[in-house]
Full PDB file with SEQRES, HELIX, SHEET, SSBOND, CRYST1, ORIGX, SCALE, CONECT and MASTER records, all heavy atoms in Angstrom:
SEQRES   1 A   35  ARG VAL ALA PHE LEU GLY GLY SER HIS GLY ASP GLY TYR          
SEQRES   2 A   35  PRO PHE ASP GLY MET GLY GLY THR LEU GLY HIS ALA PHE          
SEQRES   3 A   35  PHE PRO GLY VAL GLY PRO SER SER GLY                          
CRYST1    1.000    1.000    1.000  90.00  90.00  90.00 P 1           1          
ORIGX1      1.000000  0.000000  0.000000        0.00000                         
ORIGX2      0.000000  1.000000  0.000000        0.00000                         
ORIGX3      0.000000  0.000000  1.000000        0.00000                         
SCALE1      1.000000  0.000000  0.000000        0.00000                         
SCALE2      0.000000  1.000000  0.000000        0.00000                         
SCALE3      0.000000  0.000000  1.000000        0.00000                         
ATOM      1  N   ARG A   1     101.203  90.065 115.163  1.00  0.00           N  
ATOM      2  CA  ARG A   1     102.184  89.432 114.382  1.00  0.00           C  
ATOM      3  C   ARG A   1     103.415  90.324 114.371  1.00  0.00           C  
ATOM      4  O   ARG A   1     103.331  91.565 114.154  1.00  0.00           O  
ATOM      5  CB  ARG A   1     101.719  89.174 112.927  1.00  0.00           C  
ATOM      6  CG  ARG A   1     100.507  88.318 112.900  1.00  0.00           C  
ATOM      7  CD  ARG A   1      99.930  88.170 111.509  1.00  0.00           C  
ATOM      8  NE  ARG A   1      99.277  89.568 111.118  1.00  0.00           N  
ATOM      9  CZ  ARG A   1      98.613  89.687 109.969  1.00  0.00           C  
ATOM     10  NH1 ARG A   1      98.547  88.813 109.143  1.00  0.00           N  
ATOM     11  NH2 ARG A   1      98.140  90.999 109.738  1.00  0.00           N  
ATOM     12  N   VAL A   2     104.563  89.684 114.548  1.00  0.00           N  
ATOM     13  CA  VAL A   2     105.817  90.481 114.670  1.00  0.00           C  
ATOM     14  C   VAL A   2     106.705  89.994 113.564  1.00  0.00           C  
ATOM     15  O   VAL A   2     106.845  88.905 113.251  1.00  0.00           O  
ATOM     16  CB  VAL A   2     106.582  90.142 115.993  1.00  0.00           C  
ATOM     17  CG1 VAL A   2     107.937  90.906 116.071  1.00  0.00           C  
ATOM     18  CG2 VAL A   2     105.671  90.456 117.126  1.00  0.00           C  
ATOM     19  N   ALA A   3     107.192  91.022 112.889  1.00  0.00           N  
ATOM     20  CA  ALA A   3     108.067  90.827 111.660  1.00  0.00           C  
ATOM     21  C   ALA A   3     109.234  91.745 111.583  1.00  0.00           C  
ATOM     22  O   ALA A   3     109.149  92.963 111.968  1.00  0.00           O  
ATOM     23  CB  ALA A   3     107.231  90.828 110.386  1.00  0.00           C  
ATOM     24  N   PHE A   4     110.418  91.258 111.149  1.00  0.00           N  
ATOM     25  CA  PHE A   4     111.602  92.063 110.943  1.00  0.00           C  
ATOM     26  C   PHE A   4     111.618  92.262 109.394  1.00  0.00           C  
ATOM     27  O   PHE A   4     111.824  91.269 108.590  1.00  0.00           O  
ATOM     28  CB  PHE A   4     112.814  91.262 111.447  1.00  0.00           C  
ATOM     29  CG  PHE A   4     112.828  91.253 112.895  1.00  0.00           C  
ATOM     30  CD1 PHE A   4     112.064  90.259 113.594  1.00  0.00           C  
ATOM     31  CD2 PHE A   4     113.527  92.147 113.629  1.00  0.00           C  
ATOM     32  CE1 PHE A   4     112.166  90.160 115.002  1.00  0.00           C  
ATOM     33  CE2 PHE A   4     113.604  92.086 115.053  1.00  0.00           C  
ATOM     34  CZ  PHE A   4     112.902  91.138 115.783  1.00  0.00           C  
ATOM     35  N   LEU A   5     111.397  93.511 109.009  1.00  0.00           N  
ATOM     36  CA  LEU A   5     111.266  93.886 107.628  1.00  0.00           C  
ATOM     37  C   LEU A   5     112.319  95.074 107.283  1.00  0.00           C  
ATOM     38  O   LEU A   5     112.713  95.789 108.129  1.00  0.00           O  
ATOM     39  CB  LEU A   5     109.969  94.371 107.405  1.00  0.00           C  
ATOM     40  CG  LEU A   5     108.788  93.232 107.617  1.00  0.00           C  
ATOM     41  CD1 LEU A   5     107.343  93.971 107.572  1.00  0.00           C  
ATOM     42  CD2 LEU A   5     108.846  92.059 106.686  1.00  0.00           C  
ATOM     43  N   GLY A   6     112.634  95.160 105.911  1.00  0.00           N  
ATOM     44  CA  GLY A   6     113.436  96.218 105.640  1.00  0.00           C  
ATOM     45  C   GLY A   6     112.944  97.140 104.545  1.00  0.00           C  
ATOM     46  O   GLY A   6     112.046  96.753 103.780  1.00  0.00           O  
ATOM     47  N   GLY A   7     113.444  98.368 104.526  1.00  0.00           N  
ATOM     48  CA  GLY A   7     113.099  99.280 103.469  1.00  0.00           C  
ATOM     49  C   GLY A   7     111.604  99.508 103.420  1.00  0.00           C  
ATOM     50  O   GLY A   7     110.837  99.384 104.373  1.00  0.00           O  
ATOM     51  N   SER A   8     111.031  99.723 102.091  1.00  0.00           N  
ATOM     52  CA  SER A   8     109.665  99.998 101.868  1.00  0.00           C  
ATOM     53  C   SER A   8     108.916  98.639 101.839  1.00  0.00           C  
ATOM     54  O   SER A   8     109.340  97.760 101.050  1.00  0.00           O  
ATOM     55  CB  SER A   8     109.482 100.718 100.598  1.00  0.00           C  
ATOM     56  OG  SER A   8     108.115 100.872 100.395  1.00  0.00           O  
ATOM     57  N   HIS A   9     108.076  98.318 102.805  1.00  0.00           N  
ATOM     58  CA  HIS A   9     107.489  97.051 102.829  1.00  0.00           C  
ATOM     59  C   HIS A   9     105.961  97.041 102.788  1.00  0.00           C  
ATOM     60  O   HIS A   9     105.304  96.284 103.229  1.00  0.00           O  
ATOM     61  CB  HIS A   9     107.942  96.359 104.246  1.00  0.00           C  
ATOM     62  CG  HIS A   9     107.767  97.202 105.386  1.00  0.00           C  
ATOM     63  ND1 HIS A   9     108.698  98.055 105.816  1.00  0.00           N  
ATOM     64  CD2 HIS A   9     106.921  97.283 106.389  1.00  0.00           C  
ATOM     65  CE1 HIS A   9     108.405  98.649 106.873  1.00  0.00           C  
ATOM     66  NE2 HIS A   9     107.233  98.114 107.267  1.00  0.00           N  
ATOM     67  N   GLY A  10     105.430  98.203 102.132  1.00  0.00           N  
ATOM     68  CA  GLY A  10     103.965  98.175 101.837  1.00  0.00           C  
ATOM     69  C   GLY A  10     103.052  98.608 102.842  1.00  0.00           C  
ATOM     70  O   GLY A  10     101.774  98.597 102.626  1.00  0.00           O  
ATOM     71  N   ASP A  11     103.511  99.281 103.955  1.00  0.00           N  
ATOM     72  CA  ASP A  11     102.494  99.684 105.018  1.00  0.00           C  
ATOM     73  C   ASP A  11     102.531 101.281 105.158  1.00  0.00           C  
ATOM     74  O   ASP A  11     101.845 101.764 106.010  1.00  0.00           O  
ATOM     75  CB  ASP A  11     102.767  99.023 106.359  1.00  0.00           C  
ATOM     76  CG  ASP A  11     104.088  99.334 106.933  1.00  0.00           C  
ATOM     77  OD1 ASP A  11     104.714 100.162 106.450  1.00  0.00           O  
ATOM     78  OD2 ASP A  11     104.519  98.655 107.910  1.00  0.00           O  
ATOM     79  N   GLY A  12     103.308 101.979 104.267  1.00  0.00           N  
ATOM     80  CA  GLY A  12     103.243 103.430 104.498  1.00  0.00           C  
ATOM     81  C   GLY A  12     104.323 103.898 105.464  1.00  0.00           C  
ATOM     82  O   GLY A  12     104.462 105.161 105.527  1.00  0.00           O  
ATOM     83  N   TYR A  13     105.071 103.027 106.121  1.00  0.00           N  
ATOM     84  CA  TYR A  13     106.070 103.465 107.095  1.00  0.00           C  
ATOM     85  C   TYR A  13     107.313 102.709 106.631  1.00  0.00           C  
ATOM     86  O   TYR A  13     107.819 101.835 107.373  1.00  0.00           O  
ATOM     87  CB  TYR A  13     105.670 103.021 108.511  1.00  0.00           C  
ATOM     88  CG  TYR A  13     104.555 103.710 109.013  1.00  0.00           C  
ATOM     89  CD1 TYR A  13     103.219 103.264 108.966  1.00  0.00           C  
ATOM     90  CD2 TYR A  13     104.651 105.034 109.561  1.00  0.00           C  
ATOM     91  CE1 TYR A  13     102.072 103.915 109.475  1.00  0.00           C  
ATOM     92  CE2 TYR A  13     103.488 105.781 110.133  1.00  0.00           C  
ATOM     93  CZ  TYR A  13     102.249 105.170 109.944  1.00  0.00           C  
ATOM     94  OH  TYR A  13     101.070 105.781 110.501  1.00  0.00           O  
ATOM     95  N   PRO A  14     108.128 103.159 105.609  1.00  0.00           N  
ATOM     96  CA  PRO A  14     109.247 102.518 105.242  1.00  0.00           C  
ATOM     97  C   PRO A  14     110.484 102.726 106.247  1.00  0.00           C  
ATOM     98  O   PRO A  14     110.493 103.718 106.943  1.00  0.00           O  
ATOM     99  CB  PRO A  14     109.633 103.228 103.926  1.00  0.00           C  
ATOM    100  CG  PRO A  14     108.961 104.681 104.031  1.00  0.00           C  
ATOM    101  CD  PRO A  14     107.739 104.474 104.718  1.00  0.00           C  
ATOM    102  N   PHE A  15     111.288 101.710 106.358  1.00  0.00           N  
ATOM    103  CA  PHE A  15     112.420 101.778 107.167  1.00  0.00           C  
ATOM    104  C   PHE A  15     113.606 102.328 106.409  1.00  0.00           C  
ATOM    105  O   PHE A  15     113.604 102.260 105.001  1.00  0.00           O  
ATOM    106  CB  PHE A  15     112.721 100.311 107.696  1.00  0.00           C  
ATOM    107  CG  PHE A  15     111.826  99.873 108.760  1.00  0.00           C  
ATOM    108  CD1 PHE A  15     111.183  98.602 108.716  1.00  0.00           C  
ATOM    109  CD2 PHE A  15     111.528 100.581 109.896  1.00  0.00           C  
ATOM    110  CE1 PHE A  15     110.386  98.303 109.675  1.00  0.00           C  
ATOM    111  CE2 PHE A  15     110.707 100.209 110.855  1.00  0.00           C  
ATOM    112  CZ  PHE A  15     110.084  99.042 110.644  1.00  0.00           C  
ATOM    113  N   ASP A  16     114.587 102.777 107.077  1.00  0.00           N  
ATOM    114  CA  ASP A  16     115.690 103.648 106.479  1.00  0.00           C  
ATOM    115  C   ASP A  16     117.011 103.076 106.613  1.00  0.00           C  
ATOM    116  O   ASP A  16     118.051 103.791 106.604  1.00  0.00           O  
ATOM    117  CB  ASP A  16     115.656 104.952 106.894  1.00  0.00           C  
ATOM    118  CG  ASP A  16     115.610 105.153 108.397  1.00  0.00           C  
ATOM    119  OD1 ASP A  16     115.699 104.077 109.161  1.00  0.00           O  
ATOM    120  OD2 ASP A  16     115.454 106.224 108.847  1.00  0.00           O  
ATOM    121  N   GLY A  17     117.206 101.732 106.968  1.00  0.00           N  
ATOM    122  CA  GLY A  17     118.484 101.144 107.058  1.00  0.00           C  
ATOM    123  C   GLY A  17     118.944 101.350 108.562  1.00  0.00           C  
ATOM    124  O   GLY A  17     118.157 101.910 109.396  1.00  0.00           O  
ATOM    125  N   MET A  18     120.177 101.026 109.049  1.00  0.00           N  
ATOM    126  CA  MET A  18     120.624 101.198 110.341  1.00  0.00           C  
ATOM    127  C   MET A  18     120.534 102.607 110.874  1.00  0.00           C  
ATOM    128  O   MET A  18     120.877 103.559 110.214  1.00  0.00           O  
ATOM    129  CB  MET A  18     121.995 100.595 110.393  1.00  0.00           C  
ATOM    130  CG  MET A  18     122.479 100.447 111.878  1.00  0.00           C  
ATOM    131  SD  MET A  18     124.229  99.836 111.930  1.00  0.00           S  
ATOM    132  CE  MET A  18     123.976  98.179 111.334  1.00  0.00           C  
ATOM    133  N   GLY A  19     120.104 102.627 112.069  1.00  0.00           N  
ATOM    134  CA  GLY A  19     119.804 103.969 112.733  1.00  0.00           C  
ATOM    135  C   GLY A  19     118.390 104.563 112.258  1.00  0.00           C  
ATOM    136  O   GLY A  19     117.672 103.817 111.485  1.00  0.00           O  
ATOM    137  N   GLY A  20     118.028 105.755 112.497  1.00  0.00           N  
ATOM    138  CA  GLY A  20     116.897 106.372 112.149  1.00  0.00           C  
ATOM    139  C   GLY A  20     115.736 105.674 112.743  1.00  0.00           C  
ATOM    140  O   GLY A  20     115.677 105.544 113.872  1.00  0.00           O  
ATOM    141  N   THR A  21     114.795 105.234 112.063  1.00  0.00           N  
ATOM    142  CA  THR A  21     113.612 104.514 112.491  1.00  0.00           C  
ATOM    143  C   THR A  21     113.838 103.159 112.722  1.00  0.00           C  
ATOM    144  O   THR A  21     114.507 102.447 112.023  1.00  0.00           O  
ATOM    145  CB  THR A  21     112.437 104.698 111.507  1.00  0.00           C  
ATOM    146  OG1 THR A  21     112.801 104.170 110.302  1.00  0.00           O  
ATOM    147  CG2 THR A  21     111.950 106.145 111.268  1.00  0.00           C  
ATOM    148  N   LEU A  22     113.434 102.627 114.035  1.00  0.00           N  
ATOM    149  CA  LEU A  22     113.657 101.325 114.442  1.00  0.00           C  
ATOM    150  C   LEU A  22     112.607 100.477 114.382  1.00  0.00           C  
ATOM    151  O   LEU A  22     112.766  99.175 114.166  1.00  0.00           O  
ATOM    152  CB  LEU A  22     114.106 101.421 115.868  1.00  0.00           C  
ATOM    153  CG  LEU A  22     115.280 102.385 116.280  1.00  0.00           C  
ATOM    154  CD1 LEU A  22     115.458 102.315 117.837  1.00  0.00           C  
ATOM    155  CD2 LEU A  22     116.618 101.943 115.442  1.00  0.00           C  
ATOM    156  N   GLY A  23     111.326 100.883 114.451  1.00  0.00           N  
ATOM    157  CA  GLY A  23     110.125 100.079 114.443  1.00  0.00           C  
ATOM    158  C   GLY A  23     108.863 100.868 114.440  1.00  0.00           C  
ATOM    159  O   GLY A  23     108.852 101.994 114.611  1.00  0.00           O  
ATOM    160  N   HIS A  24     107.813 100.193 114.225  1.00  0.00           N  
ATOM    161  CA  HIS A  24     106.514 100.734 114.480  1.00  0.00           C  
ATOM    162  C   HIS A  24     105.455  99.627 114.579  1.00  0.00           C  
ATOM    163  O   HIS A  24     105.746  98.456 114.353  1.00  0.00           O  
ATOM    164  CB  HIS A  24     106.125 101.486 113.147  1.00  0.00           C  
ATOM    165  CG  HIS A  24     106.194 100.842 111.852  1.00  0.00           C  
ATOM    166  ND1 HIS A  24     107.216 101.268 110.963  1.00  0.00           N  
ATOM    167  CD2 HIS A  24     105.500  99.855 111.329  1.00  0.00           C  
ATOM    168  CE1 HIS A  24     107.120 100.462 109.928  1.00  0.00           C  
ATOM    169  NE2 HIS A  24     106.034  99.672 110.123  1.00  0.00           N  
ATOM    170  N   ALA A  25     104.197  99.972 115.140  1.00  0.00           N  
ATOM    171  CA  ALA A  25     103.128  98.963 115.309  1.00  0.00           C  
ATOM    172  C   ALA A  25     101.843  99.637 115.037  1.00  0.00           C  
ATOM    173  O   ALA A  25     101.799 100.982 115.010  1.00  0.00           O  
ATOM    174  CB  ALA A  25     103.270  98.486 116.732  1.00  0.00           C  
ATOM    175  N   PHE A  26     100.852  98.903 114.826  1.00  0.00           N  
ATOM    176  CA  PHE A  26      99.633  99.359 114.408  1.00  0.00           C  
ATOM    177  C   PHE A  26      98.529  99.223 115.632  1.00  0.00           C  
ATOM    178  O   PHE A  26      98.484  98.231 116.298  1.00  0.00           O  
ATOM    179  CB  PHE A  26      98.972  98.625 113.216  1.00  0.00           C  
ATOM    180  CG  PHE A  26      99.799  98.802 112.000  1.00  0.00           C  
ATOM    181  CD1 PHE A  26     101.069  98.065 111.776  1.00  0.00           C  
ATOM    182  CD2 PHE A  26      99.571  99.898 111.122  1.00  0.00           C  
ATOM    183  CE1 PHE A  26     101.811  98.230 110.671  1.00  0.00           C  
ATOM    184  CE2 PHE A  26     100.324 100.143 110.085  1.00  0.00           C  
ATOM    185  CZ  PHE A  26     101.461  99.272 109.825  1.00  0.00           C  
ATOM    186  N   PHE A  27      97.723 100.296 115.833  1.00  0.00           N  
ATOM    187  CA  PHE A  27      96.809 100.351 116.823  1.00  0.00           C  
ATOM    188  C   PHE A  27      95.722  99.163 116.809  1.00  0.00           C  
ATOM    189  O   PHE A  27      95.500  98.746 115.550  1.00  0.00           O  
ATOM    190  CB  PHE A  27      96.109 101.635 117.005  1.00  0.00           C  
ATOM    191  CG  PHE A  27      97.154 102.742 117.329  1.00  0.00           C  
ATOM    192  CD1 PHE A  27      97.201 103.888 116.474  1.00  0.00           C  
ATOM    193  CD2 PHE A  27      97.937 102.706 118.343  1.00  0.00           C  
ATOM    194  CE1 PHE A  27      98.062 104.960 116.709  1.00  0.00           C  
ATOM    195  CE2 PHE A  27      98.758 103.834 118.730  1.00  0.00           C  
ATOM    196  CZ  PHE A  27      98.865 104.844 117.861  1.00  0.00           C  
ATOM    197  N   PRO A  28      95.086  98.773 117.809  1.00  0.00           N  
ATOM    198  CA  PRO A  28      93.989  97.834 117.677  1.00  0.00           C  
ATOM    199  C   PRO A  28      92.779  98.349 116.864  1.00  0.00           C  
ATOM    200  O   PRO A  28      92.511  99.486 116.933  1.00  0.00           O  
ATOM    201  CB  PRO A  28      93.507  97.605 119.186  1.00  0.00           C  
ATOM    202  CG  PRO A  28      94.680  98.073 120.056  1.00  0.00           C  
ATOM    203  CD  PRO A  28      95.318  99.264 119.212  1.00  0.00           C  
ATOM    204  N   GLY A  29      92.224  97.443 115.973  1.00  0.00           N  
ATOM    205  CA  GLY A  29      91.121  97.684 115.240  1.00  0.00           C  
ATOM    206  C   GLY A  29      91.379  98.713 114.006  1.00  0.00           C  
ATOM    207  O   GLY A  29      90.501  99.208 113.448  1.00  0.00           O  
ATOM    208  N   VAL A  30      92.616  98.914 113.702  1.00  0.00           N  
ATOM    209  CA  VAL A  30      92.986  99.702 112.508  1.00  0.00           C  
ATOM    210  C   VAL A  30      93.377  98.903 111.325  1.00  0.00           C  
ATOM    211  O   VAL A  30      94.680  98.644 111.261  1.00  0.00           O  
ATOM    212  CB  VAL A  30      94.065 100.757 112.989  1.00  0.00           C  
ATOM    213  CG1 VAL A  30      94.350 101.648 111.759  1.00  0.00           C  
ATOM    214  CG2 VAL A  30      93.517 101.526 114.171  1.00  0.00           C  
ATOM    215  N   GLY A  31      92.575  98.377 110.521  1.00  0.00           N  
ATOM    216  CA  GLY A  31      92.882  97.727 109.276  1.00  0.00           C  
ATOM    217  C   GLY A  31      93.341  96.332 109.496  1.00  0.00           C  
ATOM    218  O   GLY A  31      93.367  95.785 110.575  1.00  0.00           O  
ATOM    219  N   PRO A  32      93.774  95.714 108.411  1.00  0.00           N  
ATOM    220  CA  PRO A  32      94.192  94.278 108.480  1.00  0.00           C  
ATOM    221  C   PRO A  32      95.464  94.098 109.284  1.00  0.00           C  
ATOM    222  O   PRO A  32      95.768  92.885 109.797  1.00  0.00           O  
ATOM    223  CB  PRO A  32      94.400  93.793 107.063  1.00  0.00           C  
ATOM    224  CG  PRO A  32      94.555  95.117 106.235  1.00  0.00           C  
ATOM    225  CD  PRO A  32      93.750  96.193 107.062  1.00  0.00           C  
ATOM    226  N   SER A  33      96.176  95.165 109.441  1.00  0.00           N  
ATOM    227  CA  SER A  33      97.507  95.090 110.167  1.00  0.00           C  
ATOM    228  C   SER A  33      97.318  95.301 111.732  1.00  0.00           C  
ATOM    229  O   SER A  33      98.255  95.600 112.456  1.00  0.00           O  
ATOM    230  CB  SER A  33      98.541  96.074 109.668  1.00  0.00           C  
ATOM    231  OG  SER A  33      98.910  95.714 108.301  1.00  0.00           O  
ATOM    232  N   SER A  34      95.995  95.441 112.194  1.00  0.00           N  
ATOM    233  CA  SER A  34      95.752  95.808 113.610  1.00  0.00           C  
ATOM    234  C   SER A  34      96.685  95.001 114.507  1.00  0.00           C  
ATOM    235  O   SER A  34      96.642  93.807 114.445  1.00  0.00           O  
ATOM    236  CB  SER A  34      94.268  95.528 113.811  1.00  0.00           C  
ATOM    237  OG  SER A  34      93.862  95.525 115.181  1.00  0.00           O  
ATOM    238  N   GLY A  35      97.353  95.666 115.386  1.00  0.00           N  
ATOM    239  CA  GLY A  35      98.157  95.049 116.495  1.00  0.00           C  
ATOM    240  C   GLY A  35      99.563  94.706 115.988  1.00  0.00           C  
ATOM    241  O   GLY A  35     100.412  94.297 116.839  1.00  0.00           O  
TER     242      GLY A  35                                                      
MASTER        0    0    0    0    0    0    0    6  241    1    0    3          
END                                                                             
């Protein structure tokens, strides 16, 4: 599942606005957010 999210969105990897961190993804088989 692909989503465009902002700020702190509940997965422990908050975004920080323009610049800085751009994205992240979850490895296969790791919790309900797997992939």
